[in-house]
Amino acid sequence: MERLRGKIARVIKAKGFGFVVGDDGQERFLHVTDFLDQNDWEEVREGTVLTFTHLDTPKGGRCGEVSFAD
């Protein structure tokens, strides 16, 4: 599956979710459980660059297999 890049546009850390805008301009939902290493969630801030896979869900796009970009 293709890995995409994007930046966190909004993050609600207390609730464990946020939104990522991919380099393709599409906004996707992000949940703490989407990270390959859930400890990375503690380092997440708006503007953080991530790599991820795209998942189609009934509610729209979602990030999967999320990690920090190199």
C-alpha atoms as a PDB file:
ATOM      1  CA  MET A   1       0.000   0.000   0.000  1.00  0.00           C
ATOM      2  CA  GLU A   2       1.297   3.460  -0.916  1.00  0.00           C
ATOM      3  CA  ARG A   3       2.665   5.649   1.893  1.00  0.00           C
ATOM      4  CA  LEU A   4       1.507   9.258   1.860  1.00  0.00           C
ATOM      5  CA  ARG A   5       2.848  12.372   3.610  1.00  0.00           C
ATOM      6  CA  GLY A   6       0.968  15.109   5.387  1.00  0.00           C
ATOM      7  CA  LYS A   7       0.906  17.557   8.280  1.00  0.00           C
ATOM      8  CA  ILE A   8      -1.292  17.568  11.343  1.00  0.00           C
ATOM      9  CA  ALA A   9      -3.770  20.411  10.908  1.00  0.00           C
ATOM     10  CA  ARG A  10      -5.612  19.987  14.219  1.00  0.00           C
ATOM     11  CA  VAL A  11      -5.046  17.789  17.235  1.00  0.00           C
ATOM     12  CA  ILE A  12      -7.246  17.191  20.284  1.00  0.00           C
ATOM     13  CA  LYS A  13      -4.767  15.293  22.441  1.00  0.00           C
ATOM     14  CA  ALA A  14      -7.074  14.814  25.435  1.00  0.00           C
ATOM     15  CA  LYS A  15      -9.547  12.946  23.220  1.00  0.00           C
ATOM     16  CA  GLY A  16      -6.898  11.061  21.247  1.00  0.00           C
ATOM     17  CA  PHE A  17      -7.638  12.298  17.747  1.00  0.00           C
ATOM     18  CA  GLY A  18      -6.882  14.933  15.167  1.00  0.00           C
ATOM     19  CA  PHE A  19      -6.866  15.673  11.452  1.00  0.00           C
ATOM     20  CA  VAL A  20      -4.085  15.451   8.885  1.00  0.00           C
ATOM     21  CA  VAL A  21      -3.940  17.314   5.583  1.00  0.00           C
ATOM     22  CA  GLY A  22      -2.037  15.207   3.104  1.00  0.00           C
ATOM     23  CA  ASP A  23       0.311  16.576   0.480  1.00  0.00           C
ATOM     24  CA  ASP A  24      -2.562  15.744  -1.895  1.00  0.00           C
ATOM     25  CA  GLY A  25      -4.738  18.360  -0.114  1.00  0.00           C
ATOM     26  CA  GLN A  26      -7.147  15.798   1.349  1.00  0.00           C
ATOM     27  CA  GLU A  27      -8.014  15.959   5.049  1.00  0.00           C
ATOM     28  CA  ARG A  28      -8.073  12.663   6.940  1.00  0.00           C
ATOM     29  CA  PHE A  29      -9.071  11.624  10.459  1.00  0.00           C
ATOM     30  CA  LEU A  30      -6.245  10.556  12.776  1.00  0.00           C
ATOM     31  CA  HIS A  31      -6.645   8.524  15.978  1.00  0.00           C
ATOM     32  CA  VAL A  32      -4.016   7.615  18.565  1.00  0.00           C
ATOM     33  CA  THR A  33      -4.506   3.919  17.690  1.00  0.00           C
ATOM     34  CA  ASP A  34      -3.472   4.622  14.067  1.00  0.00           C
ATOM     35  CA  PHE A  35       0.185   5.060  15.090  1.00  0.00           C
ATOM     36  CA  LEU A  36       2.561   2.135  14.605  1.00  0.00           C
ATOM     37  CA  ASP A  37       4.161   3.183  17.907  1.00  0.00           C
ATOM     38  CA  GLN A  38       1.455   4.640  20.145  1.00  0.00           C
ATOM     39  CA  ASN A  39       4.126   6.341  22.287  1.00  0.00           C
ATOM     40  CA  ASP A  40       4.608   8.723  19.324  1.00  0.00           C
ATOM     41  CA  TRP A  41       1.234  10.276  20.189  1.00  0.00           C
ATOM     42  CA  GLU A  42       2.879  12.143  23.064  1.00  0.00           C
ATOM     43  CA  GLU A  43       5.131  13.998  20.575  1.00  0.00           C
ATOM     44  CA  VAL A  44       2.353  15.017  18.166  1.00  0.00           C
ATOM     45  CA  ARG A  45       1.785  18.730  17.585  1.00  0.00           C
ATOM     46  CA  GLU A  46       0.029  20.766  14.907  1.00  0.00           C
ATOM     47  CA  GLY A  47       2.399  20.968  11.953  1.00  0.00           C
ATOM     48  CA  THR A  48       4.049  17.597  12.687  1.00  0.00           C
ATOM     49  CA  VAL A  49       4.866  15.825   9.400  1.00  0.00           C
ATOM     50  CA  LEU A  50       3.722  12.208   9.200  1.00  0.00           C
ATOM     51  CA  THR A  51       3.679   9.330   6.762  1.00  0.00           C
ATOM     52  CA  PHE A  52       0.629   7.079   6.606  1.00  0.00           C
ATOM     53  CA  THR A  53      -1.597   4.928   4.459  1.00  0.00           C
ATOM     54  CA  HIS A  54      -5.066   6.047   3.368  1.00  0.00           C
ATOM     55  CA  LEU A  55      -8.081   4.129   4.665  1.00  0.00           C
ATOM     56  CA  ASP A  56     -11.590   4.589   3.281  1.00  0.00           C
ATOM     57  CA  THR A  57     -14.261   4.516   5.997  1.00  0.00           C
ATOM     58  CA  PRO A  58     -18.000   5.235   5.952  1.00  0.00           C
ATOM     59  CA  LYS A  59     -17.220   8.610   7.560  1.00  0.00           C
ATOM     60  CA  GLY A  60     -14.454   9.521   5.074  1.00  0.00           C
ATOM     61  CA  GLY A  61     -10.689   9.236   4.843  1.00  0.00           C
ATOM     62  CA  ARG A  62      -8.625   8.025   7.785  1.00  0.00           C
ATOM     63  CA  CYS A  63      -4.907   7.597   8.371  1.00  0.00           C
ATOM     64  CA  GLY A  64      -3.479   4.139   8.958  1.00  0.00           C
ATOM     65  CA  GLU A  65      -0.007   2.830   9.871  1.00  0.00           C
ATOM     66  CA  VAL A  66       1.080   6.328  10.971  1.00  0.00           C
ATOM     67  CA  SER A  67       4.689   7.251  11.765  1.00  0.00           C
ATOM     68  CA  PHE A  68       6.831  10.384  11.830  1.00  0.00           C
ATOM     69  CA  ALA A  69       8.302  11.391   8.471  1.00  0.00           C
ATOM     70  CA  ASP A  70      12.069  11.114   8.085  1.00  0.00           C
END
